[in-house]
Amino acid sequence: MKTIAVIDIGKTNAKVALVDLDRFEEIAVRKIANGVSNDGLYPHFDVERLWRFIIQSLGDLNAEVPIDAISVTTHGATAVLLDAHGDLALPLLDYEFTGPDTLASDYDRLRPPFAETGTARLPMGLNIGAQIYWQQQTFPEAFAGVATILTYAQYWSYRLSGVLANELTSLGCHTDLWSPYSADFSSMVDERGWRPLFASVRKASDVLGGLLPPVAEEAGLPAGLPIYCGIHDSNASLLPHVLSRPSPFAVVSTGTWVVIMAVGAEKVVLDETRDTLINVNALGDPVPSARFMGGRAFATLMPDPDISASIETEAEVIRRQWMLLPSVPEGSGPFPGARARWTCDEASLALEERYAIVSFHLALMTATCLDLVGARGDIVVEGPFAGNVSYLRMLAAATGRPILTGSQSATGTSLGAACLADSARAQVQTTAFSGHIPQAYSAYADAWRATAG
């Protein structure tokens, strides 16, 4: 088995990539924006649009290089409710929809404690349990027709293979549904009577079955291609490191969300009010983690993503102590209650200056998260921020630890999902960051921390 097609559904973009396992790199890719539909009962993901894209992309890519197997990785915080026919019983709720907040006080009385699940209480639909509870209470007739609940990656694996399954990394990412310490569903799942609705829990690397003949015919692929169970995207980024890198280390997976995962971390008490949590990796092990919407913040603050800052511009920003203080966006991350503010006149900033300030802000948010989870050892940055030298320089200054950069493409999620097919071929392809870091960067980091609180 050499060429793995990876279906990679992120919150902002979706793609289908071919990964050559021998070279352990992407060799071809198709992409599409992943929008939210606002028609119907509530904002939701347009799964049929994504399905058409997936089928077309698989066929096109297979015409370039024959596909040997298919794997799936997706964002978390999404549950799929199916009826007895295997169709959607309710639309796939967009986790940024505020509907679940209307029942927050009721849900808070039902949800398991942080000590049981390692799940912080998050707003909107960021806790899958809150989504399901809101859907059950708000649409009782439709919910009565729910026969199966699937995690998101496994929904796509089901459509490809016809096999219903759930999976550890997807259940173990801030859902309120899973206890990582007992490796079982949380007490709330039984108290709400939901356990019978959940399909069996499988390993991410399990082959669920072969590609269904009708799907194969539609896509122009051989029937019976192995379909892997699939994996949550942050854990896909982590997996090659877990398989090939000695601990301790931390992986900073950057995309819409910046997710920090600390392997071999110091034992610290996680602060559930600051968006720390326990993820479950593909091997079933608990991993202290933290997160904030860094990619969303960068896209909001930097309308031109192709700008960069010179070392001279960075030095001027540091000399003037120009800062962006948390938090963009508000409501999540290590400073959930803070309102963003600039210590300078934002409107008068040149684009390079703005880029440096925003990059420093994101680096210092990352450093804060690393501290909160007790991270030790090398820090591996993957995804778009791996190409941001201003970010890397400030992160190195703020942590005093080696910074390594990995894939700048989709946070390494596609590579991680591909190595589900053969863990022995997992590779860690990183480069040590060696940019010059004047002492003034550390002083700036200390001042930011003191002001941010």
Protein backbone atom coordinates (compact mmCIF):
# COMPACT_ATOMS: atom_id res chain seq x y z
CA MET A 1 0.00 0.00 0.00
CA LYS A 2 1.56 3.25 -1.15
CA THR A 3 -0.91 5.99 -2.13
CA ILE A 4 -3.53 7.00 0.43
CA ALA A 5 -6.35 9.40 -0.40
CA VAL A 6 -7.13 11.54 2.64
CA ILE A 7 -10.44 13.34 3.01
CA ASP A 8 -9.56 16.30 5.24
CA ILE A 9 -12.56 18.38 6.35
CA GLY A 10 -11.57 21.49 8.30
CA LYS A 11 -13.87 24.18 9.63
CA THR A 12 -12.73 26.71 7.02
CA ASN A 13 -11.61 24.52 4.12
CA ALA A 14 -12.02 20.96 2.93
CA LYS A 15 -9.60 19.03 0.80
CA VAL A 16 -8.84 15.65 -0.65
CA ALA A 17 -5.12 14.90 -0.77
CA LEU A 18 -3.01 12.05 -2.09
CA VAL A 19 -0.23 11.03 0.29
CA ASP A 20 2.70 8.93 -0.89
CA LEU A 21 3.57 6.81 2.15
CA ASP A 22 7.05 5.98 0.87
CA ARG A 23 7.93 9.66 0.58
CA PHE A 24 5.50 10.59 3.39
CA GLU A 25 4.32 13.73 1.64
CA GLU A 26 1.33 15.08 -0.24
CA ILE A 27 1.69 14.61 -3.98
CA ALA A 28 -1.65 16.03 -5.19
CA VAL A 29 -4.56 17.90 -3.65
CA ARG A 30 -8.01 19.33 -4.37
CA LYS A 31 -9.52 22.05 -2.14
CA ILE A 32 -12.82 23.80 -1.55
CA ALA A 33 -14.11 26.37 0.93
CA ASN A 34 -16.25 24.82 3.66
CA GLY A 35 -19.10 27.21 4.29
CA VAL A 36 -22.10 27.09 6.61
CA SER A 37 -25.68 27.01 5.30
CA ASN A 38 -28.13 29.24 7.15
CA ASP A 39 -31.33 27.83 5.69
CA GLY A 40 -33.45 25.25 7.48
CA LEU A 41 -33.71 24.66 11.21
CA TYR A 42 -30.35 26.19 12.19
CA PRO A 43 -26.90 26.94 10.70
CA HIS A 44 -25.42 23.69 9.48
CA PHE A 45 -22.77 22.11 7.27
CA ASP A 46 -23.81 21.31 3.71
CA VAL A 47 -22.81 17.66 3.64
CA GLU A 48 -24.15 16.99 0.16
CA ARG A 49 -22.03 19.77 -1.31
CA LEU A 50 -19.01 18.31 0.48
CA TRP A 51 -19.92 14.80 -0.72
CA ARG A 52 -20.04 15.93 -4.36
CA PHE A 53 -16.64 17.55 -3.91
CA ILE A 54 -15.23 14.40 -2.31
CA ILE A 55 -16.50 12.10 -5.07
CA GLN A 56 -15.28 14.37 -7.85
CA SER A 57 -11.88 14.84 -6.22
CA LEU A 58 -11.35 11.14 -5.57
CA GLY A 59 -12.07 10.39 -9.22
CA ASP A 60 -9.81 13.15 -10.53
CA LEU A 61 -6.94 12.21 -8.24
CA ASN A 62 -7.23 8.51 -8.97
CA ALA A 63 -6.86 9.34 -12.65
CA GLU A 64 -3.50 10.95 -11.81
CA VAL A 65 -2.20 8.30 -9.38
CA PRO A 66 -4.05 5.08 -8.51
CA ILE A 67 -5.44 5.19 -4.96
CA ASP A 68 -4.70 2.24 -2.68
CA ALA A 69 -6.86 3.18 0.33
CA ILE A 70 -8.90 6.05 1.80
CA SER A 71 -8.58 7.70 5.20
CA VAL A 72 -10.54 10.56 6.77
CA THR A 73 -9.77 13.38 9.18
CA THR A 74 -12.10 16.18 10.25
CA HIS A 75 -12.53 18.97 12.76
CA GLY A 76 -14.14 18.08 16.06
CA ALA A 77 -17.18 19.47 17.87
CA THR A 78 -19.59 17.88 15.41
CA ALA A 79 -21.97 14.99 15.93
CA VAL A 80 -24.01 13.39 13.17
CA LEU A 81 -27.52 12.16 14.00
CA LEU A 82 -28.80 9.46 11.65
CA ASP A 83 -32.24 7.90 11.30
CA ALA A 84 -32.98 4.21 10.85
CA HIS A 85 -32.30 4.49 7.11
CA GLY A 86 -28.85 5.96 7.65
CA ASP A 87 -29.89 9.43 6.52
CA LEU A 88 -29.62 12.65 8.53
CA ALA A 89 -32.27 12.84 11.23
CA LEU A 90 -31.27 16.48 11.86
CA PRO A 91 -28.81 18.78 10.06
CA LEU A 92 -25.14 18.83 11.15
CA LEU A 93 -25.12 21.75 13.55
CA ASP A 94 -22.44 24.41 13.06
CA TYR A 95 -20.56 24.49 16.36
CA GLU A 96 -20.35 28.30 16.25
CA PHE A 97 -24.15 28.56 16.37
CA THR A 98 -25.28 30.01 19.68
CA GLY A 99 -28.49 27.99 19.94
CA PRO A 100 -27.13 25.59 22.57
CA ASP A 101 -26.35 28.59 24.80
CA THR A 102 -30.09 29.12 25.31
CA LEU A 103 -30.16 25.92 27.37
CA ALA A 104 -26.78 26.43 29.00
CA SER A 105 -28.02 26.61 32.58
CA ASP A 106 -29.98 23.36 32.18
CA TYR A 107 -27.07 21.63 30.48
CA ASP A 108 -24.61 22.77 33.13
CA ARG A 109 -26.60 20.82 35.72
CA LEU A 110 -26.34 17.66 33.62
CA ARG A 111 -22.80 17.65 32.29
CA PRO A 112 -20.10 15.57 33.97
CA PRO A 113 -17.40 17.24 36.06
CA PHE A 114 -14.07 18.25 34.50
CA ALA A 115 -12.31 15.68 36.69
CA GLU A 116 -14.23 12.90 34.93
CA THR A 117 -13.95 13.99 31.30
CA GLY A 118 -11.13 16.52 31.03
CA THR A 119 -13.62 18.61 29.05
CA ALA A 120 -13.82 22.32 29.72
CA ARG A 121 -17.22 23.98 29.49
CA LEU A 122 -17.20 25.85 26.19
CA PRO A 123 -19.73 28.20 24.58
CA MET A 124 -22.00 27.61 21.59
CA GLY A 125 -21.81 24.03 20.34
CA LEU A 126 -18.16 23.46 21.13
CA ASN A 127 -19.13 20.68 23.54
CA ILE A 128 -20.84 17.97 21.49
CA GLY A 129 -22.89 17.01 24.53
CA ALA A 130 -24.39 20.49 24.58
CA GLN A 131 -25.27 20.16 20.89
CA ILE A 132 -27.04 16.85 21.34
CA TYR A 133 -28.90 18.05 24.44
CA TRP A 134 -30.10 21.20 22.63
CA GLN A 135 -31.21 19.20 19.60
CA GLN A 136 -33.05 16.68 21.79
CA GLN A 137 -34.86 19.39 23.76
CA THR A 138 -35.59 21.68 20.83
CA PHE A 139 -36.62 19.11 18.22
CA PRO A 140 -38.00 16.19 20.26
CA GLU A 141 -39.96 14.62 17.41
CA ALA A 142 -36.98 14.59 15.05
CA PHE A 143 -34.68 13.40 17.82
CA ALA A 144 -37.05 10.53 18.56
CA GLY A 145 -36.17 9.27 15.09
CA VAL A 146 -32.43 9.18 15.79
CA ALA A 147 -31.15 5.62 15.47
CA THR A 148 -27.39 6.29 15.45
CA ILE A 149 -24.98 8.99 16.60
CA LEU A 150 -21.62 9.23 14.83
CA THR A 151 -18.58 11.42 15.31
CA TYR A 152 -17.82 13.52 12.26
CA ALA A 153 -14.89 11.75 10.60
CA GLN A 154 -16.68 8.45 10.98
CA TYR A 155 -19.74 9.84 9.18
CA TRP A 156 -17.68 10.15 6.02
CA SER A 157 -16.13 6.73 6.57
CA TYR A 158 -19.68 5.39 6.88
CA ARG A 159 -20.74 6.97 3.60
CA LEU A 160 -17.76 5.37 1.90
CA SER A 161 -17.93 1.93 3.52
CA GLY A 162 -21.48 1.53 4.83
CA VAL A 163 -20.09 0.66 8.29
CA LEU A 164 -21.22 2.63 11.35
CA ALA A 165 -18.52 3.47 13.90
CA ASN A 166 -17.28 6.01 16.42
CA GLU A 167 -13.65 6.62 17.34
CA LEU A 168 -11.57 7.54 20.39
CA THR A 169 -9.87 10.78 19.31
CA SER A 170 -13.17 12.22 18.09
CA LEU A 171 -15.04 11.23 21.26
CA GLY A 172 -12.19 12.47 23.45
CA CYS A 173 -11.91 16.06 22.19
CA HIS A 174 -13.90 18.38 24.50
CA THR A 175 -17.18 16.53 23.98
CA ASP A 176 -18.40 15.84 27.56
CA LEU A 177 -19.15 12.36 26.20
CA TRP A 178 -15.98 10.44 27.08
CA SER A 179 -13.96 9.66 30.20
CA PRO A 180 -10.31 9.37 29.12
CA TYR A 181 -9.28 7.81 32.42
CA SER A 182 -11.77 4.92 32.28
CA ALA A 183 -11.77 4.70 28.45
CA ASP A 184 -15.56 4.65 28.38
CA PHE A 185 -18.51 6.92 27.78
CA SER A 186 -19.12 9.53 30.46
CA SER A 187 -21.76 9.19 33.12
CA MET A 188 -23.94 11.74 31.31
CA VAL A 189 -24.26 9.49 28.25
CA ASP A 190 -25.90 6.82 30.40
CA GLU A 191 -27.95 9.27 32.44
CA ARG A 192 -29.41 10.75 29.26
CA GLY A 193 -30.03 7.31 27.76
CA TRP A 194 -27.80 8.03 24.78
CA ARG A 195 -25.42 5.06 24.98
CA PRO A 196 -27.57 2.77 22.75
CA LEU A 197 -27.51 5.44 20.05
CA PHE A 198 -23.75 5.52 19.71
CA ALA A 199 -22.23 3.19 17.15
CA SER A 200 -19.44 0.94 18.39
CA VAL A 201 -16.13 2.60 19.21
CA ARG A 202 -13.26 1.60 16.93
CA LYS A 203 -9.59 2.50 16.66
CA ALA A 204 -8.67 5.22 14.18
CA SER A 205 -6.49 2.73 12.30
CA ASP A 206 -9.18 0.05 11.94
CA VAL A 207 -10.29 -0.81 8.41
CA LEU A 208 -14.07 -0.47 8.54
CA GLY A 209 -14.62 -2.17 5.21
CA GLY A 210 -14.26 -1.73 1.49
CA LEU A 211 -15.46 1.11 -0.71
CA LEU A 212 -19.10 0.50 -1.54
CA PRO A 213 -19.69 -0.52 -5.18
CA PRO A 214 -22.18 2.32 -5.93
CA VAL A 215 -19.75 4.90 -4.50
CA ALA A 216 -16.85 3.33 -6.39
CA GLU A 217 -18.80 3.48 -9.63
CA GLU A 218 -19.77 7.12 -9.08
CA ALA A 219 -16.18 8.15 -8.30
CA GLY A 220 -14.52 5.93 -10.90
CA LEU A 221 -12.59 3.97 -8.28
CA PRO A 222 -12.14 0.23 -7.74
CA ALA A 223 -14.77 -1.23 -5.43
CA GLY A 224 -13.45 -2.61 -2.18
CA LEU A 225 -10.67 -0.08 -1.56
CA PRO A 226 -9.88 -0.19 2.20
CA ILE A 227 -11.66 2.54 4.18
CA TYR A 228 -9.98 3.46 7.48
CA CYS A 229 -12.04 4.53 10.46
CA GLY A 230 -10.49 8.02 10.58
CA ILE A 231 -9.23 10.50 13.14
CA HIS A 232 -9.84 13.94 14.68
CA ASP A 233 -7.66 16.50 12.89
CA SER A 234 -5.58 17.73 15.83
CA ASN A 235 -4.72 14.17 16.74
CA ALA A 236 -3.88 13.46 13.11
CA SER A 237 -1.22 16.16 13.37
CA LEU A 238 0.04 14.62 16.59
CA LEU A 239 0.12 10.99 15.48
CA PRO A 240 3.36 10.89 13.42
CA HIS A 241 5.19 12.48 16.36
CA VAL A 242 3.72 10.01 18.86
CA LEU A 243 4.84 7.15 16.61
CA SER A 244 8.36 8.39 15.95
CA ARG A 245 9.49 11.08 18.43
CA PRO A 246 10.66 10.46 22.02
CA SER A 247 8.83 12.41 24.71
CA PRO A 248 8.63 14.96 26.14
CA PHE A 249 7.55 17.31 23.36
CA ALA A 250 4.64 19.51 22.37
CA VAL A 251 2.92 19.87 19.01
CA VAL A 252 1.33 23.20 18.09
CA SER A 253 -1.18 22.47 15.36
CA THR A 254 -2.21 25.73 13.67
CA GLY A 255 -5.30 26.23 11.56
CA THR A 256 -8.63 27.86 12.34
CA TRP A 257 -7.85 26.63 15.83
CA VAL A 258 -4.38 26.56 17.35
CA VAL A 259 -4.30 23.32 19.35
CA ILE A 260 -1.41 22.67 21.74
CA MET A 261 -0.83 19.04 22.76
CA ALA A 262 1.81 18.17 25.34
CA VAL A 263 3.21 14.64 25.33
CA GLY A 264 5.17 13.74 28.47
CA ALA A 265 4.00 16.92 30.18
CA GLU A 266 4.65 17.88 33.77
CA LYS A 267 1.79 16.99 36.07
CA VAL A 268 -0.17 20.21 36.44
CA VAL A 269 -3.72 20.95 37.46
CA LEU A 270 -5.53 22.01 34.31
CA ASP A 271 -7.68 25.13 34.54
CA GLU A 272 -10.97 24.32 32.84
CA THR A 273 -11.89 28.02 32.71
CA ARG A 274 -8.95 28.70 30.36
CA ASP A 275 -9.78 26.25 27.55
CA THR A 276 -7.44 23.52 28.69
CA LEU A 277 -8.61 19.97 28.23
CA ILE A 278 -7.62 16.35 27.89
CA ASN A 279 -7.47 15.02 24.34
CA VAL A 280 -7.22 11.30 23.68
CA ASN A 281 -4.58 10.35 21.14
CA ALA A 282 -4.90 7.61 18.53
CA LEU A 283 -3.30 5.09 20.90
CA GLY A 284 -5.93 5.85 23.54
CA ASP A 285 -3.65 7.84 25.84
CA PRO A 286 -4.77 11.09 27.54
CA VAL A 287 -2.88 14.17 26.32
CA PRO A 288 -3.03 17.53 28.18
CA SER A 289 -4.06 20.14 25.63
CA ALA A 290 -5.05 23.77 25.22
CA ARG A 291 -6.48 25.80 22.36
CA PHE A 292 -7.49 29.15 21.00
CA MET A 293 -8.83 30.39 17.66
CA GLY A 294 -5.49 31.65 16.37
CA GLY A 295 -6.12 31.08 12.69
CA ARG A 296 -9.49 32.80 12.92
CA ALA A 297 -7.83 35.71 14.76
CA PHE A 298 -5.13 36.06 12.09
CA ALA A 299 -7.69 36.01 9.27
CA THR A 300 -9.80 38.62 11.08
CA LEU A 301 -6.89 40.93 11.89
CA MET A 302 -4.82 40.54 8.71
CA PRO A 303 -6.95 40.98 5.59
CA ASP A 304 -3.83 40.55 3.45
CA PRO A 305 -2.27 37.22 4.45
CA ASP A 306 0.77 37.66 2.20
CA ILE A 307 2.35 40.44 4.26
CA SER A 308 5.42 39.72 6.38
CA ALA A 309 7.55 41.84 8.71
CA SER A 310 11.25 42.57 8.52
CA ILE A 311 13.50 42.19 11.53
CA GLU A 312 13.78 45.99 11.60
CA THR A 313 9.99 46.34 11.81
CA GLU A 314 9.87 43.79 14.62
CA ALA A 315 12.56 45.71 16.47
CA GLU A 316 10.58 48.95 16.14
CA VAL A 317 7.41 47.27 17.45
CA ILE A 318 9.35 45.93 20.43
CA ARG A 319 11.07 49.25 21.09
CA ARG A 320 7.71 51.05 21.18
CA GLN A 321 6.06 48.21 23.13
CA TRP A 322 3.18 48.07 20.68
CA MET A 323 0.97 45.13 21.65
CA LEU A 324 -2.32 43.43 20.98
CA LEU A 325 -3.74 42.06 24.22
CA PRO A 326 -6.23 39.16 24.46
CA SER A 327 -8.58 38.07 23.16
CA VAL A 328 -9.56 37.74 19.48
CA PRO A 329 -12.14 36.30 19.13
CA GLU A 330 -13.62 36.51 22.58
CA GLY A 331 -15.13 33.70 24.61
CA SER A 332 -12.56 30.92 24.31
CA GLY A 333 -8.84 30.34 24.70
CA PRO A 334 -6.66 31.06 27.75
CA PHE A 335 -8.26 34.50 28.33
CA PRO A 336 -11.95 33.79 27.67
CA GLY A 337 -13.25 36.79 29.57
CA ALA A 338 -10.82 39.36 28.17
CA ARG A 339 -11.66 41.97 25.54
CA ALA A 340 -8.97 42.65 22.99
CA ARG A 341 -7.19 45.99 23.07
CA TRP A 342 -4.24 47.58 21.34
CA THR A 343 -1.61 49.52 23.26
CA CYS A 344 -1.10 51.73 20.20
CA ASP A 345 -3.19 53.51 17.59
CA GLU A 346 -4.33 50.57 15.50
CA ALA A 347 -5.54 52.74 12.62
CA SER A 348 -2.13 54.37 12.10
CA LEU A 349 -0.16 51.11 11.83
CA ALA A 350 1.58 50.16 8.62
CA LEU A 351 0.74 46.66 7.39
CA GLU A 352 4.18 45.29 8.34
CA GLU A 353 3.83 46.72 11.85
CA ARG A 354 0.36 45.24 12.19
CA TYR A 355 1.65 41.86 11.02
CA ALA A 356 4.44 41.86 13.60
CA ILE A 357 2.11 42.82 16.45
CA VAL A 358 -0.49 40.21 15.50
CA SER A 359 2.18 37.52 15.08
CA PHE A 360 3.69 38.36 18.46
CA HIS A 361 0.23 38.22 20.03
CA LEU A 362 -0.41 34.76 18.59
CA ALA A 363 3.00 33.52 19.73
CA LEU A 364 2.39 34.74 23.26
CA MET A 365 -1.07 33.20 23.34
CA THR A 366 0.62 29.94 22.30
CA ALA A 367 3.29 30.28 24.99
CA THR A 368 0.58 30.85 27.59
CA CYS A 369 -1.18 27.67 26.50
CA LEU A 370 2.07 25.70 26.66
CA ASP A 371 2.58 26.84 30.24
CA LEU A 372 -0.99 25.97 31.21
CA VAL A 373 -0.59 22.33 30.15
CA GLY A 374 2.90 21.79 31.58
CA ALA A 375 4.55 21.27 28.20
CA ARG A 376 8.20 20.22 28.18
CA GLY A 377 10.86 19.61 25.55
CA ASP A 378 10.86 20.57 21.88
CA ILE A 379 7.98 22.58 20.46
CA VAL A 380 6.89 21.51 16.97
CA VAL A 381 4.83 24.07 15.04
CA GLU A 382 2.77 22.77 12.15
CA GLY A 383 0.39 24.45 9.73
CA PRO A 384 0.37 28.04 8.44
CA PHE A 385 2.15 29.53 11.47
CA ALA A 386 5.18 27.34 10.74
CA GLY A 387 6.00 29.80 7.96
CA ASN A 388 5.59 32.91 10.11
CA VAL A 389 9.09 33.89 11.22
CA SER A 390 7.83 36.69 13.48
CA TYR A 391 5.63 34.20 15.32
CA LEU A 392 8.44 31.65 15.62
CA ARG A 393 10.96 34.17 16.90
CA MET A 394 8.64 35.43 19.62
CA LEU A 395 7.58 31.90 20.58
CA ALA A 396 11.24 30.91 21.00
CA ALA A 397 11.89 34.02 23.11
CA ALA A 398 8.83 33.47 25.30
CA THR A 399 9.47 29.77 25.98
CA GLY A 400 13.26 29.50 25.89
CA ARG A 401 12.91 26.06 24.29
CA PRO A 402 13.85 24.64 20.86
CA ILE A 403 11.31 25.43 18.14
CA LEU A 404 10.93 23.00 15.25
CA THR A 405 8.79 23.59 12.19
CA GLY A 406 6.90 20.93 10.34
CA SER A 407 4.46 20.92 7.47
CA GLN A 408 2.93 24.26 6.49
CA SER A 409 0.19 22.41 4.63
CA ALA A 410 -3.04 21.87 6.56
CA THR A 411 -1.20 21.34 9.86
CA GLY A 412 0.06 17.90 8.89
CA THR A 413 -3.44 16.47 9.27
CA SER A 414 -3.38 14.68 5.93
CA LEU A 415 -0.04 13.04 6.67
CA GLY A 416 -1.23 11.90 10.08
CA ALA A 417 -4.44 10.46 8.67
CA ALA A 418 -2.47 8.67 5.94
CA CYS A 419 -0.19 6.91 8.41
CA LEU A 420 -3.24 5.15 9.87
CA ALA A 421 -2.67 2.81 6.93
CA ASP A 422 0.88 1.95 8.03
CA SER A 423 2.22 3.31 11.31
CA ALA A 424 5.70 1.92 10.59
CA ARG A 425 6.14 4.44 7.78
CA ALA A 426 5.25 7.48 9.87
CA GLN A 427 7.93 10.14 9.66
CA VAL A 428 8.65 13.37 11.46
CA GLN A 429 9.93 15.91 8.99
CA THR A 430 10.92 18.99 10.95
CA THR A 431 13.45 21.79 10.70
CA ALA A 432 15.01 23.55 13.67
CA PHE A 433 14.21 27.25 13.78
CA SER A 434 17.47 29.16 14.13
CA GLY A 435 16.56 32.81 13.68
CA HIS A 436 18.41 35.40 15.75
CA ILE A 437 16.49 36.40 18.89
CA PRO A 438 17.64 39.59 20.66
CA GLN A 439 17.12 39.84 24.41
CA ALA A 440 14.51 42.53 23.84
CA TYR A 441 12.06 39.86 22.61
CA SER A 442 12.06 38.16 25.99
CA ALA A 443 11.49 41.48 27.74
CA TYR A 444 8.55 42.17 25.39
CA ALA A 445 7.11 38.72 26.18
CA ASP A 446 7.39 39.40 29.93
CA ALA A 447 5.67 42.77 29.54
CA TRP A 448 2.86 41.24 27.46
CA ARG A 449 2.28 38.54 30.06
CA ALA A 450 2.21 41.05 32.90
CA THR A 451 -0.30 43.25 31.06
CA ALA A 452 -2.46 40.41 29.76
CA GLY A 453 -2.86 39.00 33.24
